[in-house]
Amino acid sequence: PLRDGIQSLTIKYDVRCLQLPLSTALAASHKVLVVGGKVKKPGKRGRKPAKIDLKAKLERSRQSARECRARKKLRYQYLEELVSSRERAICALREELEMYKQWCMAMDQGKIPSEIKALLTGEEQSKSQQNSSRHTKAGKTDANSNSW
């Protein structure tokens, strides 16, 4: 709100009634210009039309277009690589799924696939190695506790 609670001022000009903020109306005083329903004040404010060399402007536009095309090309290359890597991952997962299906079918028939046997024996060996290492560590801690 402006001073004294006045927020806008109505100016009658050229048979049109304009509702303007008080600061605009006071600054423009009696020199109010209406263009396309918008109020414009005369003065040196605002952007002036730039006197740009047409050739320089065209060259900047061409350079911008080249850069845009290069960015677009890189983006498409990245997306193509992403799609191909995902397709490879999907193929690998499908092969793995097929292998597991075959294992399940073999086990349903009462046969244990050699891969599963290898996994089981490998797990048993690693468990026995872990247990033996735990026993040796426990023995060392017992020996250390006895030395005190």
C-alpha atoms as a PDB file:
ATOM      1  CA  PRO A   1       0.000   0.000   0.000  1.00  0.00           C
ATOM      2  CA  LEU A   2       1.110   3.512  -0.754  1.00  0.00           C
ATOM      3  CA  ARG A   3       0.865   6.435   1.596  1.00  0.00           C
ATOM      4  CA  ASP A   4      -2.428   7.324   3.220  1.00  0.00           C
ATOM      5  CA  GLY A   5      -3.894   3.956   2.203  1.00  0.00           C
ATOM      6  CA  ILE A   6      -4.312   4.998  -1.444  1.00  0.00           C
ATOM      7  CA  GLN A   7      -3.399   2.056  -3.661  1.00  0.00           C
ATOM      8  CA  SER A   8      -4.473   3.174  -7.108  1.00  0.00           C
ATOM      9  CA  LEU A   9      -5.603   6.234  -8.984  1.00  0.00           C
ATOM     10  CA  THR A  10      -8.093   6.434 -11.815  1.00  0.00           C
ATOM     11  CA  ILE A  11      -7.099   8.662 -14.720  1.00  0.00           C
ATOM     12  CA  LYS A  12      -9.547   9.555 -17.434  1.00  0.00           C
ATOM     13  CA  TYR A  13      -7.696  10.122 -20.655  1.00  0.00           C
ATOM     14  CA  ASP A  14      -8.998  10.106 -24.179  1.00  0.00           C
ATOM     15  CA  VAL A  15     -12.412   8.628 -23.230  1.00  0.00           C
ATOM     16  CA  ARG A  16     -10.717   5.568 -21.632  1.00  0.00           C
ATOM     17  CA  CYS A  17     -10.687   4.910 -17.954  1.00  0.00           C
ATOM     18  CA  LEU A  18      -7.401   3.448 -16.702  1.00  0.00           C
ATOM     19  CA  GLN A  19      -6.793   1.920 -13.308  1.00  0.00           C
ATOM     20  CA  LEU A  20      -3.113   2.505 -12.506  1.00  0.00           C
ATOM     21  CA  PRO A  21      -0.950   2.068  -9.445  1.00  0.00           C
ATOM     22  CA  LEU A  22      -0.548   5.472  -7.794  1.00  0.00           C
ATOM     23  CA  SER A  23       3.240   5.558  -8.308  1.00  0.00           C
ATOM     24  CA  THR A  24       2.840   4.963 -12.050  1.00  0.00           C
ATOM     25  CA  ALA A  25       0.102   7.528 -12.358  1.00  0.00           C
ATOM     26  CA  LEU A  26       2.100  10.159 -10.470  1.00  0.00           C
ATOM     27  CA  ALA A  27       5.304   9.484 -12.398  1.00  0.00           C
ATOM     28  CA  ALA A  28       3.563   9.650 -15.729  1.00  0.00           C
ATOM     29  CA  SER A  29       1.475  12.659 -14.633  1.00  0.00           C
ATOM     30  CA  HIS A  30      -0.462  13.792 -17.681  1.00  0.00           C
ATOM     31  CA  LYS A  31       1.763  12.064 -20.272  1.00  0.00           C
ATOM     32  CA  VAL A  32       0.178   8.594 -20.216  1.00  0.00           C
ATOM     33  CA  LEU A  33       0.434   6.537 -23.400  1.00  0.00           C
ATOM     34  CA  VAL A  34      -1.855   3.547 -23.992  1.00  0.00           C
ATOM     35  CA  VAL A  35      -0.612   0.935 -26.461  1.00  0.00           C
ATOM     36  CA  GLY A  36      -2.522  -2.308 -26.849  1.00  0.00           C
ATOM     37  CA  GLY A  37      -4.232  -1.904 -23.487  1.00  0.00           C
ATOM     38  CA  LYS A  38      -0.885  -1.422 -21.695  1.00  0.00           C
ATOM     39  CA  VAL A  39       0.281   1.791 -20.138  1.00  0.00           C
ATOM     40  CA  LYS A  40       3.609   3.062 -21.409  1.00  0.00           C
ATOM     41  CA  LYS A  41       5.470   6.088 -20.134  1.00  0.00           C
ATOM     42  CA  PRO A  42       7.866   8.075 -22.208  1.00  0.00           C
ATOM     43  CA  GLY A  43      11.419   8.043 -20.948  1.00  0.00           C
ATOM     44  CA  LYS A  44      14.827   6.431 -21.201  1.00  0.00           C
ATOM     45  CA  ARG A  45      14.037   3.314 -19.192  1.00  0.00           C
ATOM     46  CA  GLY A  46      13.810  -0.189 -20.569  1.00  0.00           C
ATOM     47  CA  ARG A  47      15.634  -2.043 -23.241  1.00  0.00           C
ATOM     48  CA  LYS A  48      16.641  -0.230 -26.359  1.00  0.00           C
ATOM     49  CA  PRO A  49      16.671  -1.997 -29.709  1.00  0.00           C
ATOM     50  CA  ALA A  50      20.200  -3.260 -30.113  1.00  0.00           C
ATOM     51  CA  LYS A  51      22.106  -2.409 -33.244  1.00  0.00           C
ATOM     52  CA  ILE A  52      23.609  -5.839 -33.797  1.00  0.00           C
ATOM     53  CA  ASP A  53      25.514  -6.773 -36.892  1.00  0.00           C
ATOM     54  CA  LEU A  54      23.282  -9.116 -38.890  1.00  0.00           C
ATOM     55  CA  LYS A  55      26.204 -11.331 -39.976  1.00  0.00           C
ATOM     56  CA  ALA A  56      27.375 -11.760 -36.387  1.00  0.00           C
ATOM     57  CA  LYS A  57      23.855 -12.620 -35.313  1.00  0.00           C
ATOM     58  CA  LEU A  58      23.526 -15.245 -38.046  1.00  0.00           C
ATOM     59  CA  GLU A  59      26.910 -16.741 -37.134  1.00  0.00           C
ATOM     60  CA  ARG A  60      25.922 -16.980 -33.444  1.00  0.00           C
ATOM     61  CA  SER A  61      22.701 -18.665 -34.483  1.00  0.00           C
ATOM     62  CA  ARG A  62      24.574 -21.178 -36.641  1.00  0.00           C
ATOM     63  CA  GLN A  63      27.057 -21.886 -33.851  1.00  0.00           C
ATOM     64  CA  SER A  64      24.214 -22.433 -31.399  1.00  0.00           C
ATOM     65  CA  ALA A  65      22.545 -24.839 -33.841  1.00  0.00           C
ATOM     66  CA  ARG A  66      25.827 -26.780 -34.263  1.00  0.00           C
ATOM     67  CA  GLU A  67      26.216 -27.088 -30.501  1.00  0.00           C
ATOM     68  CA  CYS A  68      22.614 -28.199 -30.140  1.00  0.00           C
ATOM     69  CA  ARG A  69      23.091 -30.909 -32.770  1.00  0.00           C
ATOM     70  CA  ALA A  70      26.286 -32.089 -31.082  1.00  0.00           C
ATOM     71  CA  ARG A  71      24.536 -32.308 -27.687  1.00  0.00           C
ATOM     72  CA  LYS A  72      21.665 -34.196 -29.289  1.00  0.00           C
ATOM     73  CA  LYS A  73      24.071 -36.646 -30.933  1.00  0.00           C
ATOM     74  CA  LEU A  74      25.857 -37.290 -27.627  1.00  0.00           C
ATOM     75  CA  ARG A  75      22.544 -37.780 -25.835  1.00  0.00           C
ATOM     76  CA  TYR A  76      21.404 -40.344 -28.412  1.00  0.00           C
ATOM     77  CA  GLN A  77      24.743 -42.179 -28.217  1.00  0.00           C
ATOM     78  CA  TYR A  78      24.441 -42.354 -24.438  1.00  0.00           C
ATOM     79  CA  LEU A  79      20.885 -43.670 -24.654  1.00  0.00           C
ATOM     80  CA  GLU A  80      21.854 -46.281 -27.263  1.00  0.00           C
ATOM     81  CA  GLU A  81      24.698 -47.518 -25.053  1.00  0.00           C
ATOM     82  CA  LEU A  82      22.351 -47.655 -22.087  1.00  0.00           C
ATOM     83  CA  VAL A  83      19.783 -49.671 -24.031  1.00  0.00           C
ATOM     84  CA  SER A  84      22.388 -52.121 -25.330  1.00  0.00           C
ATOM     85  CA  SER A  85      23.854 -52.678 -21.858  1.00  0.00           C
ATOM     86  CA  ARG A  86      20.383 -53.319 -20.461  1.00  0.00           C
ATOM     87  CA  GLU A  87      19.639 -55.751 -23.293  1.00  0.00           C
ATOM     88  CA  ARG A  88      22.857 -57.655 -22.516  1.00  0.00           C
ATOM     89  CA  ALA A  89      21.891 -57.810 -18.850  1.00  0.00           C
ATOM     90  CA  ILE A  90      18.436 -59.113 -19.779  1.00  0.00           C
ATOM     91  CA  CYS A  91      19.971 -61.850 -21.955  1.00  0.00           C
ATOM     92  CA  ALA A  92      22.312 -62.910 -19.154  1.00  0.00           C
ATOM     93  CA  LEU A  93      19.428 -63.050 -16.683  1.00  0.00           C
ATOM     94  CA  ARG A  94      17.321 -65.099 -19.101  1.00  0.00           C
ATOM     95  CA  GLU A  95      20.155 -67.604 -19.508  1.00  0.00           C
ATOM     96  CA  GLU A  96      20.527 -67.830 -15.746  1.00  0.00           C
ATOM     97  CA  LEU A  97      16.781 -68.334 -15.343  1.00  0.00           C
ATOM     98  CA  GLU A  98      16.812 -71.092 -17.961  1.00  0.00           C
ATOM     99  CA  MET A  99      19.680 -72.796 -16.128  1.00  0.00           C
ATOM    100  CA  TYR A 100      17.732 -72.699 -12.850  1.00  0.00           C
ATOM    101  CA  LYS A 101      14.645 -74.089 -14.585  1.00  0.00           C
ATOM    102  CA  GLN A 102      16.688 -77.001 -15.923  1.00  0.00           C
ATOM    103  CA  TRP A 103      18.131 -77.637 -12.467  1.00  0.00           C
ATOM    104  CA  CYS A 104      14.630 -77.692 -10.954  1.00  0.00           C
ATOM    105  CA  MET A 105      13.357 -80.070 -13.633  1.00  0.00           C
ATOM    106  CA  ALA A 106      16.326 -82.394 -12.997  1.00  0.00           C
ATOM    107  CA  MET A 107      15.726 -82.339  -9.243  1.00  0.00           C
ATOM    108  CA  ASP A 108      12.015 -83.053  -9.799  1.00  0.00           C
ATOM    109  CA  GLN A 109      13.136 -86.208 -11.625  1.00  0.00           C
ATOM    110  CA  GLY A 110      15.320 -87.181  -8.675  1.00  0.00           C
ATOM    111  CA  LYS A 111      18.632 -86.194 -10.250  1.00  0.00           C
ATOM    112  CA  ILE A 112      21.011 -83.760  -8.616  1.00  0.00           C
ATOM    113  CA  PRO A 113      22.842 -81.637 -11.203  1.00  0.00           C
ATOM    114  CA  SER A 114      26.618 -81.669 -10.983  1.00  0.00           C
ATOM    115  CA  GLU A 115      26.697 -77.875 -10.581  1.00  0.00           C
ATOM    116  CA  ILE A 116      24.572 -78.082  -7.438  1.00  0.00           C
ATOM    117  CA  LYS A 117      26.794 -80.877  -6.097  1.00  0.00           C
ATOM    118  CA  ALA A 118      29.810 -78.676  -6.699  1.00  0.00           C
ATOM    119  CA  LEU A 119      28.123 -75.771  -4.939  1.00  0.00           C
ATOM    120  CA  LEU A 120      27.175 -77.954  -1.981  1.00  0.00           C
ATOM    121  CA  THR A 121      30.616 -79.508  -1.627  1.00  0.00           C
ATOM    122  CA  GLY A 122      32.187 -76.069  -2.006  1.00  0.00           C
ATOM    123  CA  GLU A 123      29.955 -74.722   0.772  1.00  0.00           C
ATOM    124  CA  GLU A 124      30.717 -77.704   2.998  1.00  0.00           C
ATOM    125  CA  GLN A 125      34.447 -77.214   2.481  1.00  0.00           C
ATOM    126  CA  SER A 126      34.232 -73.502   3.232  1.00  0.00           C
ATOM    127  CA  LYS A 127      32.149 -74.220   6.365  1.00  0.00           C
ATOM    128  CA  SER A 128      34.658 -76.791   7.570  1.00  0.00           C
ATOM    129  CA  GLN A 129      37.484 -74.320   6.929  1.00  0.00           C
ATOM    130  CA  GLN A 130      35.623 -71.610   8.860  1.00  0.00           C
ATOM    131  CA  ASN A 131      34.919 -73.956  11.740  1.00  0.00           C
ATOM    132  CA  SER A 132      38.539 -75.091  11.897  1.00  0.00           C
ATOM    133  CA  SER A 133      39.745 -71.490  11.855  1.00  0.00           C
ATOM    134  CA  ARG A 134      37.286 -70.619  14.651  1.00  0.00           C
ATOM    135  CA  HIS A 135      38.581 -73.492  16.755  1.00  0.00           C
ATOM    136  CA  THR A 136      42.176 -72.423  16.299  1.00  0.00           C
ATOM    137  CA  LYS A 137      41.302 -68.817  17.181  1.00  0.00           C
ATOM    138  CA  ALA A 138      39.355 -69.987  20.232  1.00  0.00           C
ATOM    139  CA  GLY A 139      42.336 -72.117  21.306  1.00  0.00           C
ATOM    140  CA  LYS A 140      44.649 -69.138  20.963  1.00  0.00           C
ATOM    141  CA  THR A 141      42.360 -66.905  23.021  1.00  0.00           C
ATOM    142  CA  ASP A 142      42.116 -69.612  25.702  1.00  0.00           C
ATOM    143  CA  ALA A 143      45.896 -69.914  25.755  1.00  0.00           C
ATOM    144  CA  ASN A 144      46.237 -66.168  26.034  1.00  0.00           C
ATOM    145  CA  SER A 145      43.721 -66.005  28.884  1.00  0.00           C
ATOM    146  CA  ASN A 146      45.611 -68.727  30.755  1.00  0.00           C
ATOM    147  CA  SER A 147      48.917 -66.879  30.465  1.00  0.00           C
ATOM    148  CA  TRP A 148      47.665 -64.066  32.689  1.00  0.00           C
END
